């Protein structure tokens, strides 16, 4: 299914609103995106392809939906390699001749990384090592998609990049948190010792069209429930806060980091804080749904507040989010409304992979 975005948020918008974008992106002829068939990877690939960049995606498809992976199928300059970035043998299948390596591969939702704990830790360790090697051998820049989860349940608000975090290293969420913390440590070790060209983005909650309806994260869950007339299930009291960044803005941040010389880490997120209950109520209103709101037991180690300080992103990348929550959630709901109906009538073919 094709989702059309307004011109203000399409590929040309990135070139207009990011100084030097055209010079940097058109200077990149070929990129590798690990996890390229996932939610964020597909959106990133779409924008790069629209700028004339050849995109090679490698993904084991363990957490990617066939619908998402199929969105780029057949696009000129795109190839999907079905493989595990944790396997060094994948280097022989994708090569090393890349201007930029975007390392996104990892289960990202609590549902997925608790189901795949070992794979999550391997993606942050062995997968990152493979991505680093590809970038080093090809002389390219490595952009690591880290996460706000490195801050854990933060005691500093909003969170600056200098904050070391408050993390439970053995809790249920630890496999994702610690995998990303290790990935950052590994990348910066190579940066200091070998001069590897790196950029580390700490991505806060990202949402938008293309998410799996069953991935367990807040926005797709609320959208699915509201559209089906089911109760919206809010974890805990709903007073815990989140920072929601629309996917087009997150992609713009990653591209801005790729075209810069800044190593980071740098927060990429929306500094507007919303409670989980506010998100549920807004989605219910936008969906014109009669669904009730029900409260469930709080999730283990669920952060109580999450909000980025993006001063560094503004200063170093000339980046800040542009899409407000109402607009972004309306687009997301529209996509889910079409997708939930479409998927019942037209099963999606498996994506072509090599």
C-alpha atoms as a PDB file:
ATOM      1  CA  UNK A   1       0.000   0.000   0.000  1.00  0.00           C
ATOM      2  CA  UNK A   2       1.282   3.434  -0.929  1.00  0.00           C
ATOM      3  CA  UNK A   3       0.947   6.206   1.643  1.00  0.00           C
ATOM      4  CA  UNK A   4       1.176   9.700   0.202  1.00  0.00           C
ATOM      5  CA  UNK A   5       2.626  12.443   2.379  1.00  0.00           C
ATOM      6  CA  UNK A   6       2.102  16.180   1.920  1.00  0.00           C
ATOM      7  CA  UNK A   7       4.838  17.941  -0.023  1.00  0.00           C
ATOM      8  CA  UNK A   8       5.965  19.612   3.211  1.00  0.00           C
ATOM      9  CA  UNK A   9       7.074  16.214   4.529  1.00  0.00           C
ATOM     10  CA  UNK A  10       8.146  14.380   1.360  1.00  0.00           C
ATOM     11  CA  UNK A  11      11.664  13.788   0.012  1.00  0.00           C
ATOM     12  CA  UNK A  12      11.945  17.305  -1.385  1.00  0.00           C
ATOM     13  CA  UNK A  13      11.093  18.748   2.021  1.00  0.00           C
ATOM     14  CA  UNK A  14      14.289  17.279   3.477  1.00  0.00           C
ATOM     15  CA  UNK A  15      16.350  19.034   0.820  1.00  0.00           C
ATOM     16  CA  UNK A  16      14.643  22.334   1.487  1.00  0.00           C
ATOM     17  CA  UNK A  17      14.763  22.368   5.251  1.00  0.00           C
ATOM     18  CA  UNK A  18      18.205  20.854   5.970  1.00  0.00           C
ATOM     19  CA  UNK A  19      21.112  23.066   4.893  1.00  0.00           C
ATOM     20  CA  UNK A  20      23.556  21.152   2.730  1.00  0.00           C
ATOM     21  CA  UNK A  21      21.249  18.138   2.433  1.00  0.00           C
ATOM     22  CA  UNK A  22      21.461  17.871  -1.339  1.00  0.00           C
ATOM     23  CA  UNK A  23      25.234  18.202  -1.312  1.00  0.00           C
ATOM     24  CA  UNK A  24      25.660  15.407   1.238  1.00  0.00           C
ATOM     25  CA  UNK A  25      22.944  12.981   0.131  1.00  0.00           C
ATOM     26  CA  UNK A  26      23.695  13.205  -3.570  1.00  0.00           C
ATOM     27  CA  UNK A  27      27.341  12.747  -2.569  1.00  0.00           C
ATOM     28  CA  UNK A  28      26.267   9.350  -1.219  1.00  0.00           C
ATOM     29  CA  UNK A  29      25.809   6.943  -4.068  1.00  0.00           C
ATOM     30  CA  UNK A  30      25.355   3.703  -2.137  1.00  0.00           C
ATOM     31  CA  UNK A  31      24.302   2.941   1.449  1.00  0.00           C
ATOM     32  CA  UNK A  32      23.700  -0.127   3.574  1.00  0.00           C
ATOM     33  CA  UNK A  33      20.769  -0.232   5.984  1.00  0.00           C
ATOM     34  CA  UNK A  34      20.820  -3.084   8.494  1.00  0.00           C
ATOM     35  CA  UNK A  35      17.311  -3.808   9.670  1.00  0.00           C
ATOM     36  CA  UNK A  36      16.252  -2.197   6.420  1.00  0.00           C
ATOM     37  CA  UNK A  37      12.968  -4.116   6.171  1.00  0.00           C
ATOM     38  CA  UNK A  38      11.801  -2.854   9.557  1.00  0.00           C
ATOM     39  CA  UNK A  39       9.531   0.093  10.269  1.00  0.00           C
ATOM     40  CA  UNK A  40      12.239   2.757  10.497  1.00  0.00           C
ATOM     41  CA  UNK A  41      14.469   1.112   7.888  1.00  0.00           C
ATOM     42  CA  UNK A  42      11.749   1.164   5.231  1.00  0.00           C
ATOM     43  CA  UNK A  43      11.030   4.855   5.784  1.00  0.00           C
ATOM     44  CA  UNK A  44      14.749   5.666   5.677  1.00  0.00           C
ATOM     45  CA  UNK A  45      15.217   3.604   2.525  1.00  0.00           C
ATOM     46  CA  UNK A  46      12.287   5.316   0.836  1.00  0.00           C
ATOM     47  CA  UNK A  47      13.731   8.779   1.432  1.00  0.00           C
ATOM     48  CA  UNK A  48      17.215   7.806   0.270  1.00  0.00           C
ATOM     49  CA  UNK A  49      15.895   6.112  -2.863  1.00  0.00           C
ATOM     50  CA  UNK A  50      13.900   9.237  -3.603  1.00  0.00           C
ATOM     51  CA  UNK A  51      17.179  11.162  -3.540  1.00  0.00           C
ATOM     52  CA  UNK A  52      18.766   8.826  -6.087  1.00  0.00           C
ATOM     53  CA  UNK A  53      20.828   6.817  -3.597  1.00  0.00           C
ATOM     54  CA  UNK A  54      21.277   3.070  -4.106  1.00  0.00           C
ATOM     55  CA  UNK A  55      20.052   1.251  -0.984  1.00  0.00           C
ATOM     56  CA  UNK A  56      21.043  -2.262   0.058  1.00  0.00           C
ATOM     57  CA  UNK A  57      19.017  -3.576   3.006  1.00  0.00           C
ATOM     58  CA  UNK A  58      19.969  -6.585   5.083  1.00  0.00           C
ATOM     59  CA  UNK A  59      17.322  -8.028   7.397  1.00  0.00           C
ATOM     60  CA  UNK A  60      16.556 -11.436   8.883  1.00  0.00           C
ATOM     61  CA  UNK A  61      12.822 -10.544   8.757  1.00  0.00           C
ATOM     62  CA  UNK A  62      12.351 -11.798  12.334  1.00  0.00           C
ATOM     63  CA  UNK A  63      10.352  -8.731  13.390  1.00  0.00           C
ATOM     64  CA  UNK A  64       9.437  -7.197  10.028  1.00  0.00           C
ATOM     65  CA  UNK A  65       5.980  -7.595   8.550  1.00  0.00           C
ATOM     66  CA  UNK A  66       5.708  -8.803   4.933  1.00  0.00           C
ATOM     67  CA  UNK A  67       3.712  -5.648   4.166  1.00  0.00           C
ATOM     68  CA  UNK A  68       6.500  -3.372   5.403  1.00  0.00           C
ATOM     69  CA  UNK A  69       9.239  -5.322   3.671  1.00  0.00           C
ATOM     70  CA  UNK A  70       7.290  -5.284   0.401  1.00  0.00           C
ATOM     71  CA  UNK A  71       6.921  -1.506   0.295  1.00  0.00           C
ATOM     72  CA  UNK A  72      10.270  -0.983  -1.436  1.00  0.00           C
ATOM     73  CA  UNK A  73      10.153  -4.078  -3.615  1.00  0.00           C
ATOM     74  CA  UNK A  74      10.750  -3.258  -7.256  1.00  0.00           C
ATOM     75  CA  UNK A  75      12.074   0.240  -6.619  1.00  0.00           C
ATOM     76  CA  UNK A  76      15.080   1.070  -8.858  1.00  0.00           C
ATOM     77  CA  UNK A  77      18.303   1.000  -6.857  1.00  0.00           C
ATOM     78  CA  UNK A  78      16.918  -1.171  -4.043  1.00  0.00           C
ATOM     79  CA  UNK A  79      17.939  -4.674  -3.004  1.00  0.00           C
ATOM     80  CA  UNK A  80      16.890  -6.662   0.045  1.00  0.00           C
ATOM     81  CA  UNK A  81      19.333  -9.268   1.322  1.00  0.00           C
ATOM     82  CA  UNK A  82      17.723 -11.833   3.618  1.00  0.00           C
ATOM     83  CA  UNK A  83      20.398 -12.418   6.221  1.00  0.00           C
ATOM     84  CA  UNK A  84      21.556 -11.869   9.787  1.00  0.00           C
ATOM     85  CA  UNK A  85      23.962  -8.979  10.339  1.00  0.00           C
ATOM     86  CA  UNK A  86      25.357 -10.923  13.304  1.00  0.00           C
ATOM     87  CA  UNK A  87      26.805 -13.394  10.795  1.00  0.00           C
ATOM     88  CA  UNK A  88      30.142 -12.058   9.477  1.00  0.00           C
ATOM     89  CA  UNK A  89      29.457 -14.028   6.297  1.00  0.00           C
ATOM     90  CA  UNK A  90      26.870 -11.426   5.367  1.00  0.00           C
ATOM     91  CA  UNK A  91      29.767  -9.143   4.400  1.00  0.00           C
ATOM     92  CA  UNK A  92      30.479 -11.342   1.398  1.00  0.00           C
ATOM     93  CA  UNK A  93      26.861 -11.011   0.277  1.00  0.00           C
ATOM     94  CA  UNK A  94      26.524  -7.230   0.582  1.00  0.00           C
ATOM     95  CA  UNK A  95      30.126  -6.084   0.054  1.00  0.00           C
ATOM     96  CA  UNK A  96      31.805  -3.107   1.693  1.00  0.00           C
ATOM     97  CA  UNK A  97      31.537  -0.360  -0.925  1.00  0.00           C
ATOM     98  CA  UNK A  98      29.175   1.964   0.945  1.00  0.00           C
ATOM     99  CA  UNK A  99      29.332   5.685   1.595  1.00  0.00           C
ATOM    100  CA  UNK A 100      27.267   5.222   4.754  1.00  0.00           C
ATOM    101  CA  UNK A 101      26.220   2.261   6.878  1.00  0.00           C
ATOM    102  CA  UNK A 102      23.038   2.808   8.896  1.00  0.00           C
ATOM    103  CA  UNK A 103      22.948   0.186  11.665  1.00  0.00           C
ATOM    104  CA  UNK A 104      19.288  -0.132  12.651  1.00  0.00           C
ATOM    105  CA  UNK A 105      19.015  -3.914  13.051  1.00  0.00           C
ATOM    106  CA  UNK A 106      17.481  -4.983  16.359  1.00  0.00           C
ATOM    107  CA  UNK A 107      14.154  -6.005  17.806  1.00  0.00           C
ATOM    108  CA  UNK A 108      12.816  -2.664  19.055  1.00  0.00           C
ATOM    109  CA  UNK A 109       9.495  -3.220  20.810  1.00  0.00           C
ATOM    110  CA  UNK A 110       9.335  -4.680  24.347  1.00  0.00           C
ATOM    111  CA  UNK A 111       7.170  -7.507  22.999  1.00  0.00           C
ATOM    112  CA  UNK A 112       9.819  -8.422  20.424  1.00  0.00           C
ATOM    113  CA  UNK A 113      12.964  -8.052  22.496  1.00  0.00           C
ATOM    114  CA  UNK A 114      11.476  -9.992  25.400  1.00  0.00           C
ATOM    115  CA  UNK A 115      10.520 -12.729  22.915  1.00  0.00           C
ATOM    116  CA  UNK A 116      13.987 -12.586  21.304  1.00  0.00           C
ATOM    117  CA  UNK A 117      16.334 -11.665  24.180  1.00  0.00           C
ATOM    118  CA  UNK A 118      19.467 -13.387  22.884  1.00  0.00           C
ATOM    119  CA  UNK A 119      18.973 -12.103  19.346  1.00  0.00           C
ATOM    120  CA  UNK A 120      18.585  -8.586  20.756  1.00  0.00           C
ATOM    121  CA  UNK A 121      21.862  -8.801  22.658  1.00  0.00           C
ATOM    122  CA  UNK A 122      23.609 -10.246  19.607  1.00  0.00           C
ATOM    123  CA  UNK A 123      22.302  -7.440  17.378  1.00  0.00           C
ATOM    124  CA  UNK A 124      23.856  -4.897  19.732  1.00  0.00           C
ATOM    125  CA  UNK A 125      27.157  -6.743  20.029  1.00  0.00           C
ATOM    126  CA  UNK A 126      27.971  -9.002  17.067  1.00  0.00           C
ATOM    127  CA  UNK A 127      25.705  -7.084  14.697  1.00  0.00           C
ATOM    128  CA  UNK A 128      27.332  -3.793  15.606  1.00  0.00           C
ATOM    129  CA  UNK A 129      30.787  -5.333  15.159  1.00  0.00           C
ATOM    130  CA  UNK A 130      29.833  -6.442  11.639  1.00  0.00           C
ATOM    131  CA  UNK A 131      28.441  -3.000  10.782  1.00  0.00           C
ATOM    132  CA  UNK A 132      31.628  -1.362  12.066  1.00  0.00           C
ATOM    133  CA  UNK A 133      33.789  -3.694   9.969  1.00  0.00           C
ATOM    134  CA  UNK A 134      31.803  -2.956   6.807  1.00  0.00           C
ATOM    135  CA  UNK A 135      32.110   0.795   7.372  1.00  0.00           C
ATOM    136  CA  UNK A 136      35.838   0.572   8.137  1.00  0.00           C
ATOM    137  CA  UNK A 137      36.694  -1.614   5.148  1.00  0.00           C
ATOM    138  CA  UNK A 138      34.762   0.621   2.770  1.00  0.00           C
ATOM    139  CA  UNK A 139      35.916   3.889   4.322  1.00  0.00           C
ATOM    140  CA  UNK A 140      32.314   4.913   4.958  1.00  0.00           C
ATOM    141  CA  UNK A 141      30.511   6.592   7.818  1.00  0.00           C
ATOM    142  CA  UNK A 142      28.682   4.471  10.391  1.00  0.00           C
ATOM    143  CA  UNK A 143      25.415   5.816  11.789  1.00  0.00           C
ATOM    144  CA  UNK A 144      24.266   3.855  14.833  1.00  0.00           C
ATOM    145  CA  UNK A 145      20.593   3.913  15.763  1.00  0.00           C
ATOM    146  CA  UNK A 146      20.814   3.841  19.541  1.00  0.00           C
ATOM    147  CA  UNK A 147      17.894   4.598  21.828  1.00  0.00           C
ATOM    148  CA  UNK A 148      16.538   6.698  24.659  1.00  0.00           C
ATOM    149  CA  UNK A 149      16.342   3.411  26.569  1.00  0.00           C
ATOM    150  CA  UNK A 150      20.017   3.885  27.465  1.00  0.00           C
ATOM    151  CA  UNK A 151      18.708   6.429  29.995  1.00  0.00           C
ATOM    152  CA  UNK A 152      16.556   3.743  31.662  1.00  0.00           C
ATOM    153  CA  UNK A 153      14.073   5.223  34.143  1.00  0.00           C
ATOM    154  CA  UNK A 154      15.751   8.640  34.151  1.00  0.00           C
ATOM    155  CA  UNK A 155      16.137  10.871  37.175  1.00  0.00           C
ATOM    156  CA  UNK A 156      17.061  13.873  35.009  1.00  0.00           C
ATOM    157  CA  UNK A 157      14.359  15.701  33.024  1.00  0.00           C
ATOM    158  CA  UNK A 158      14.568  16.386  30.193  1.00  0.00           C
ATOM    159  CA  UNK A 159      17.390  13.984  29.360  1.00  0.00           C
ATOM    160  CA  UNK A 160      20.620  15.424  27.993  1.00  0.00           C
ATOM    161  CA  UNK A 161      23.231  13.347  26.223  1.00  0.00           C
ATOM    162  CA  UNK A 162      25.603  13.859  29.156  1.00  0.00           C
ATOM    163  CA  UNK A 163      23.228  11.960  31.475  1.00  0.00           C
ATOM    164  CA  UNK A 164      24.514   8.450  32.235  1.00  0.00           C
ATOM    165  CA  UNK A 165      21.120   6.932  32.961  1.00  0.00           C
ATOM    166  CA  UNK A 166      19.364   4.864  35.613  1.00  0.00           C
ATOM    167  CA  UNK A 167      19.156   1.336  34.226  1.00  0.00           C
ATOM    168  CA  UNK A 168      18.348  -2.056  35.713  1.00  0.00           C
ATOM    169  CA  UNK A 169      21.053  -4.206  34.057  1.00  0.00           C
ATOM    170  CA  UNK A 170      19.282  -7.532  34.743  1.00  0.00           C
ATOM    171  CA  UNK A 171      15.592  -6.632  34.410  1.00  0.00           C
ATOM    172  CA  UNK A 172      13.151  -7.701  31.705  1.00  0.00           C
ATOM    173  CA  UNK A 173      13.979  -4.657  29.588  1.00  0.00           C
ATOM    174  CA  UNK A 174      17.725  -4.960  30.133  1.00  0.00           C
ATOM    175  CA  UNK A 175      18.478  -6.946  26.983  1.00  0.00           C
ATOM    176  CA  UNK A 176      17.557  -3.979  24.799  1.00  0.00           C
ATOM    177  CA  UNK A 177      18.941  -1.274  27.084  1.00  0.00           C
ATOM    178  CA  UNK A 178      22.286  -2.984  27.604  1.00  0.00           C
ATOM    179  CA  UNK A 179      22.605  -4.062  23.967  1.00  0.00           C
ATOM    180  CA  UNK A 180      22.372  -0.435  22.885  1.00  0.00           C
ATOM    181  CA  UNK A 181      24.709   0.774  25.639  1.00  0.00           C
ATOM    182  CA  UNK A 182      27.264  -1.816  24.546  1.00  0.00           C
ATOM    183  CA  UNK A 183      26.782  -0.856  20.890  1.00  0.00           C
ATOM    184  CA  UNK A 184      27.548   2.772  21.737  1.00  0.00           C
ATOM    185  CA  UNK A 185      30.639   1.754  23.723  1.00  0.00           C
ATOM    186  CA  UNK A 186      31.897  -0.413  20.854  1.00  0.00           C
ATOM    187  CA  UNK A 187      31.342   2.263  18.226  1.00  0.00           C
ATOM    188  CA  UNK A 188      33.103   4.946  20.248  1.00  0.00           C
ATOM    189  CA  UNK A 189      35.987   2.576  21.042  1.00  0.00           C
ATOM    190  CA  UNK A 190      36.576   2.163  17.299  1.00  0.00           C
ATOM    191  CA  UNK A 191      36.171   5.910  16.818  1.00  0.00           C
ATOM    192  CA  UNK A 192      38.851   6.688  19.405  1.00  0.00           C
ATOM    193  CA  UNK A 193      41.280   3.881  18.568  1.00  0.00           C
ATOM    194  CA  UNK A 194      40.939   3.611  14.787  1.00  0.00           C
ATOM    195  CA  UNK A 195      39.451   6.949  13.773  1.00  0.00           C
ATOM    196  CA  UNK A 196      36.298   5.285  12.440  1.00  0.00           C
ATOM    197  CA  UNK A 197      33.841   7.873  11.144  1.00  0.00           C
ATOM    198  CA  UNK A 198      30.753   7.435  13.340  1.00  0.00           C
ATOM    199  CA  UNK A 199      27.544   9.154  14.339  1.00  0.00           C
ATOM    200  CA  UNK A 200      25.373   7.909  17.208  1.00  0.00           C
ATOM    201  CA  UNK A 201      21.683   8.835  17.423  1.00  0.00           C
ATOM    202  CA  UNK A 202      19.683   8.194  20.580  1.00  0.00           C
ATOM    203  CA  UNK A 203      16.220   7.783  19.131  1.00  0.00           C
ATOM    204  CA  UNK A 204      13.163   8.448  21.284  1.00  0.00           C
ATOM    205  CA  UNK A 205       9.759   6.822  20.699  1.00  0.00           C
ATOM    206  CA  UNK A 206       9.062   6.935  16.967  1.00  0.00           C
ATOM    207  CA  UNK A 207       5.682   6.235  15.395  1.00  0.00           C
ATOM    208  CA  UNK A 208       3.920   6.500  12.067  1.00  0.00           C
ATOM    209  CA  UNK A 209       2.528   4.581   9.086  1.00  0.00           C
ATOM    210  CA  UNK A 210       4.116   1.191   8.571  1.00  0.00           C
ATOM    211  CA  UNK A 211       4.239  -0.039  12.161  1.00  0.00           C
ATOM    212  CA  UNK A 212       3.046  -3.569  12.838  1.00  0.00           C
ATOM    213  CA  UNK A 213      -0.376  -3.532  14.443  1.00  0.00           C
ATOM    214  CA  UNK A 214       0.722  -6.356  16.753  1.00  0.00           C
ATOM    215  CA  UNK A 215       4.169  -5.125  17.799  1.00  0.00           C
ATOM    216  CA  UNK A 216       2.952  -4.232  21.296  1.00  0.00           C
ATOM    217  CA  UNK A 217       4.012  -0.595  21.344  1.00  0.00           C
ATOM    218  CA  UNK A 218       1.652   2.070  22.581  1.00  0.00           C
ATOM    219  CA  UNK A 219       0.678   3.899  19.387  1.00  0.00           C
ATOM    220  CA  UNK A 220      -0.090   0.907  17.123  1.00  0.00           C
ATOM    221  CA  UNK A 221      -1.875  -0.859  19.970  1.00  0.00           C
ATOM    222  CA  UNK A 222      -4.116   2.129  20.715  1.00  0.00           C
ATOM    223  CA  UNK A 223      -4.776   2.684  16.999  1.00  0.00           C
ATOM    224  CA  UNK A 224      -5.777  -0.928  16.442  1.00  0.00           C
ATOM    225  CA  UNK A 225      -7.993  -1.009  19.519  1.00  0.00           C
ATOM    226  CA  UNK A 226      -9.709   2.303  18.737  1.00  0.00           C
ATOM    227  CA  UNK A 227     -10.427   1.353  15.125  1.00  0.00           C
ATOM    228  CA  UNK A 228     -11.848  -2.022  16.131  1.00  0.00           C
ATOM    229  CA  UNK A 229     -13.964  -0.613  18.945  1.00  0.00           C
ATOM    230  CA  UNK A 230     -11.974  -2.508  21.556  1.00  0.00           C
ATOM    231  CA  UNK A 231     -11.032  -1.054  24.965  1.00  0.00           C
ATOM    232  CA  UNK A 232      -7.781   0.924  24.917  1.00  0.00           C
ATOM    233  CA  UNK A 233      -5.538  -0.776  27.473  1.00  0.00           C
ATOM    234  CA  UNK A 234      -3.382   1.689  29.404  1.00  0.00           C
ATOM    235  CA  UNK A 235      -0.526   0.272  31.455  1.00  0.00           C
ATOM    236  CA  UNK A 236      -0.465   1.409  35.082  1.00  0.00           C
ATOM    237  CA  UNK A 237      -2.066   4.734  35.930  1.00  0.00           C
ATOM    238  CA  UNK A 238      -1.336   6.292  32.545  1.00  0.00           C
ATOM    239  CA  UNK A 239       0.509   9.193  34.164  1.00  0.00           C
ATOM    240  CA  UNK A 240       3.893   8.005  32.857  1.00  0.00           C
ATOM    241  CA  UNK A 241       5.123  10.242  30.041  1.00  0.00           C
ATOM    242  CA  UNK A 242       6.582   9.591  26.615  1.00  0.00           C
ATOM    243  CA  UNK A 243       8.121  11.618  23.805  1.00  0.00           C
ATOM    244  CA  UNK A 244       6.538  10.712  20.458  1.00  0.00           C
ATOM    245  CA  UNK A 245       8.390  11.634  17.273  1.00  0.00           C
ATOM    246  CA  UNK A 246       6.784  11.174  13.856  1.00  0.00           C
ATOM    247  CA  UNK A 247       8.811   8.855  11.644  1.00  0.00           C
ATOM    248  CA  UNK A 248       9.465  11.425   8.891  1.00  0.00           C
ATOM    249  CA  UNK A 249      11.123  13.643  11.496  1.00  0.00           C
ATOM    250  CA  UNK A 250      13.210  10.792  12.894  1.00  0.00           C
ATOM    251  CA  UNK A 251      14.387   9.909   9.380  1.00  0.00           C
ATOM    252  CA  UNK A 252      15.274  13.554   8.767  1.00  0.00           C
ATOM    253  CA  UNK A 253      17.351  13.465  11.959  1.00  0.00           C
ATOM    254  CA  UNK A 254      19.232  10.339  10.881  1.00  0.00           C
ATOM    255  CA  UNK A 255      19.963  11.827   7.469  1.00  0.00           C
ATOM    256  CA  UNK A 256      21.119  15.075   9.067  1.00  0.00           C
ATOM    257  CA  UNK A 257      23.481  13.085  11.295  1.00  0.00           C
ATOM    258  CA  UNK A 258      24.760  11.097   8.302  1.00  0.00           C
ATOM    259  CA  UNK A 259      25.602  14.258   6.371  1.00  0.00           C
ATOM    260  CA  UNK A 260      27.344  15.864   9.341  1.00  0.00           C
ATOM    261  CA  UNK A 261      30.760  15.260  10.864  1.00  0.00           C
ATOM    262  CA  UNK A 262      29.294  15.073  14.373  1.00  0.00           C
ATOM    263  CA  UNK A 263      29.957  11.846  16.275  1.00  0.00           C
ATOM    264  CA  UNK A 264      27.347  12.356  18.991  1.00  0.00           C
ATOM    265  CA  UNK A 265      25.670  10.883  20.826  1.00  0.00           C
ATOM    266  CA  UNK A 266      22.731  13.101  19.950  1.00  0.00           C
ATOM    267  CA  UNK A 267      19.079  12.861  20.969  1.00  0.00           C
ATOM    268  CA  UNK A 268      16.585  12.515  18.117  1.00  0.00           C
ATOM    269  CA  UNK A 269      13.077  12.944  19.478  1.00  0.00           C
ATOM    270  CA  UNK A 270      10.171  15.273  20.117  1.00  0.00           C
ATOM    271  CA  UNK A 271      10.639  17.417  23.244  1.00  0.00           C
ATOM    272  CA  UNK A 272       6.877  17.671  23.842  1.00  0.00           C
ATOM    273  CA  UNK A 273       5.973  15.369  26.726  1.00  0.00           C
ATOM    274  CA  UNK A 274       2.631  13.507  26.768  1.00  0.00           C
ATOM    275  CA  UNK A 275       1.220  11.112  29.336  1.00  0.00           C
ATOM    276  CA  UNK A 276       0.229   7.666  28.117  1.00  0.00           C
ATOM    277  CA  UNK A 277      -3.370   8.457  29.059  1.00  0.00           C
ATOM    278  CA  UNK A 278      -3.264  11.658  26.987  1.00  0.00           C
ATOM    279  CA  UNK A 279      -2.053   9.655  23.995  1.00  0.00           C
ATOM    280  CA  UNK A 280      -4.861   7.127  24.423  1.00  0.00           C
ATOM    281  CA  UNK A 281      -7.482   9.868  24.701  1.00  0.00           C
ATOM    282  CA  UNK A 282      -6.135  11.737  21.668  1.00  0.00           C
ATOM    283  CA  UNK A 283      -6.101   8.613  19.501  1.00  0.00           C
ATOM    284  CA  UNK A 284      -9.626   7.749  20.607  1.00  0.00           C
ATOM    285  CA  UNK A 285     -10.855  11.243  19.654  1.00  0.00           C
ATOM    286  CA  UNK A 286      -9.050  11.269  16.311  1.00  0.00           C
ATOM    287  CA  UNK A 287     -10.462   7.831  15.485  1.00  0.00           C
ATOM    288  CA  UNK A 288     -13.965   8.982  16.473  1.00  0.00           C
ATOM    289  CA  UNK A 289     -14.119   5.819  18.544  1.00  0.00           C
ATOM    290  CA  UNK A 290     -16.488   4.834  21.346  1.00  0.00           C
ATOM    291  CA  UNK A 291     -13.868   2.547  22.867  1.00  0.00           C
ATOM    292  CA  UNK A 292     -13.533   2.574  26.618  1.00  0.00           C
ATOM    293  CA  UNK A 293     -10.185   3.102  28.331  1.00  0.00           C
ATOM    294  CA  UNK A 294      -9.129   0.343  30.691  1.00  0.00           C
ATOM    295  CA  UNK A 295      -6.130   0.209  33.012  1.00  0.00           C
ATOM    296  CA  UNK A 296      -3.880  -2.810  33.418  1.00  0.00           C
ATOM    297  CA  UNK A 297      -1.032  -3.690  35.752  1.00  0.00           C
ATOM    298  CA  UNK A 298       2.066  -1.531  35.190  1.00  0.00           C
ATOM    299  CA  UNK A 299       4.811  -3.003  33.045  1.00  0.00           C
ATOM    300  CA  UNK A 300       7.984  -4.097  34.820  1.00  0.00           C
ATOM    301  CA  UNK A 301      10.680  -1.380  34.882  1.00  0.00           C
ATOM    302  CA  UNK A 302       8.436   0.949  32.881  1.00  0.00           C
ATOM    303  CA  UNK A 303      10.087   4.411  32.805  1.00  0.00           C
ATOM    304  CA  UNK A 304       7.946   7.033  34.509  1.00  0.00           C
ATOM    305  CA  UNK A 305       9.165   9.986  32.451  1.00  0.00           C
ATOM    306  CA  UNK A 306      10.836  10.208  29.079  1.00  0.00           C
ATOM    307  CA  UNK A 307      11.583  13.475  27.282  1.00  0.00           C
ATOM    308  CA  UNK A 308      14.657  14.554  25.289  1.00  0.00           C
ATOM    309  CA  UNK A 309      16.652  17.733  25.463  1.00  0.00           C
ATOM    310  CA  UNK A 310      17.334  18.349  21.752  1.00  0.00           C
ATOM    311  CA  UNK A 311      19.533  21.431  22.123  1.00  0.00           C
ATOM    312  CA  UNK A 312      22.495  19.498  20.723  1.00  0.00           C
ATOM    313  CA  UNK A 313      20.543  18.311  17.669  1.00  0.00           C
ATOM    314  CA  UNK A 314      19.452  21.875  16.964  1.00  0.00           C
ATOM    315  CA  UNK A 315      23.014  23.153  17.346  1.00  0.00           C
ATOM    316  CA  UNK A 316      24.987  20.439  15.535  1.00  0.00           C
ATOM    317  CA  UNK A 317      22.474  19.134  12.987  1.00  0.00           C
ATOM    318  CA  UNK A 318      20.138  22.083  12.523  1.00  0.00           C
ATOM    319  CA  UNK A 319      17.370  19.571  13.219  1.00  0.00           C
ATOM    320  CA  UNK A 320      14.150  19.608  15.153  1.00  0.00           C
ATOM    321  CA  UNK A 321      10.825  17.793  14.689  1.00  0.00           C
ATOM    322  CA  UNK A 322       8.235  19.503  12.495  1.00  0.00           C
ATOM    323  CA  UNK A 323       5.159  17.257  12.684  1.00  0.00           C
ATOM    324  CA  UNK A 324       2.814  17.892  15.620  1.00  0.00           C
ATOM    325  CA  UNK A 325       1.169  15.009  17.461  1.00  0.00           C
ATOM    326  CA  UNK A 326      -2.329  15.586  16.123  1.00  0.00           C
ATOM    327  CA  UNK A 327      -1.115  15.594  12.516  1.00  0.00           C
ATOM    328  CA  UNK A 328       1.184  12.614  12.957  1.00  0.00           C
ATOM    329  CA  UNK A 329      -1.363  10.501  14.796  1.00  0.00           C
ATOM    330  CA  UNK A 330      -4.066  11.367  12.250  1.00  0.00           C
ATOM    331  CA  UNK A 331      -1.818  10.118   9.433  1.00  0.00           C
ATOM    332  CA  UNK A 332      -0.987   7.007  11.410  1.00  0.00           C
ATOM    333  CA  UNK A 333      -4.640   6.270  12.105  1.00  0.00           C
ATOM    334  CA  UNK A 334      -5.479   6.768   8.440  1.00  0.00           C
ATOM    335  CA  UNK A 335      -2.804   4.257   7.488  1.00  0.00           C
ATOM    336  CA  UNK A 336      -4.004   1.693  10.039  1.00  0.00           C
ATOM    337  CA  UNK A 337      -7.604   2.183   8.951  1.00  0.00           C
ATOM    338  CA  UNK A 338      -6.665   1.365   5.361  1.00  0.00           C
ATOM    339  CA  UNK A 339      -4.235  -1.392   6.301  1.00  0.00           C
ATOM    340  CA  UNK A 340      -6.480  -3.286   8.702  1.00  0.00           C
ATOM    341  CA  UNK A 341      -9.216  -3.364   6.078  1.00  0.00           C
ATOM    342  CA  UNK A 342      -6.844  -4.068   3.180  1.00  0.00           C
ATOM    343  CA  UNK A 343      -5.063  -6.945   4.948  1.00  0.00           C
ATOM    344  CA  UNK A 344      -8.324  -8.789   5.493  1.00  0.00           C
ATOM    345  CA  UNK A 345      -9.059  -8.740   1.768  1.00  0.00           C
ATOM    346  CA  UNK A 346      -5.601  -8.882   0.166  1.00  0.00           C
ATOM    347  CA  UNK A 347      -2.874 -10.939   1.860  1.00  0.00           C
ATOM    348  CA  UNK A 348       0.584  -9.505   1.124  1.00  0.00           C
ATOM    349  CA  UNK A 349       3.086 -11.638  -0.779  1.00  0.00           C
ATOM    350  CA  UNK A 350       6.404 -12.357   0.869  1.00  0.00           C
ATOM    351  CA  UNK A 351       9.075  -9.808  -0.171  1.00  0.00           C
ATOM    352  CA  UNK A 352      11.687 -10.800  -2.701  1.00  0.00           C
ATOM    353  CA  UNK A 353      15.043 -11.283  -0.991  1.00  0.00           C
ATOM    354  CA  UNK A 354      18.455 -12.524  -2.062  1.00  0.00           C
END
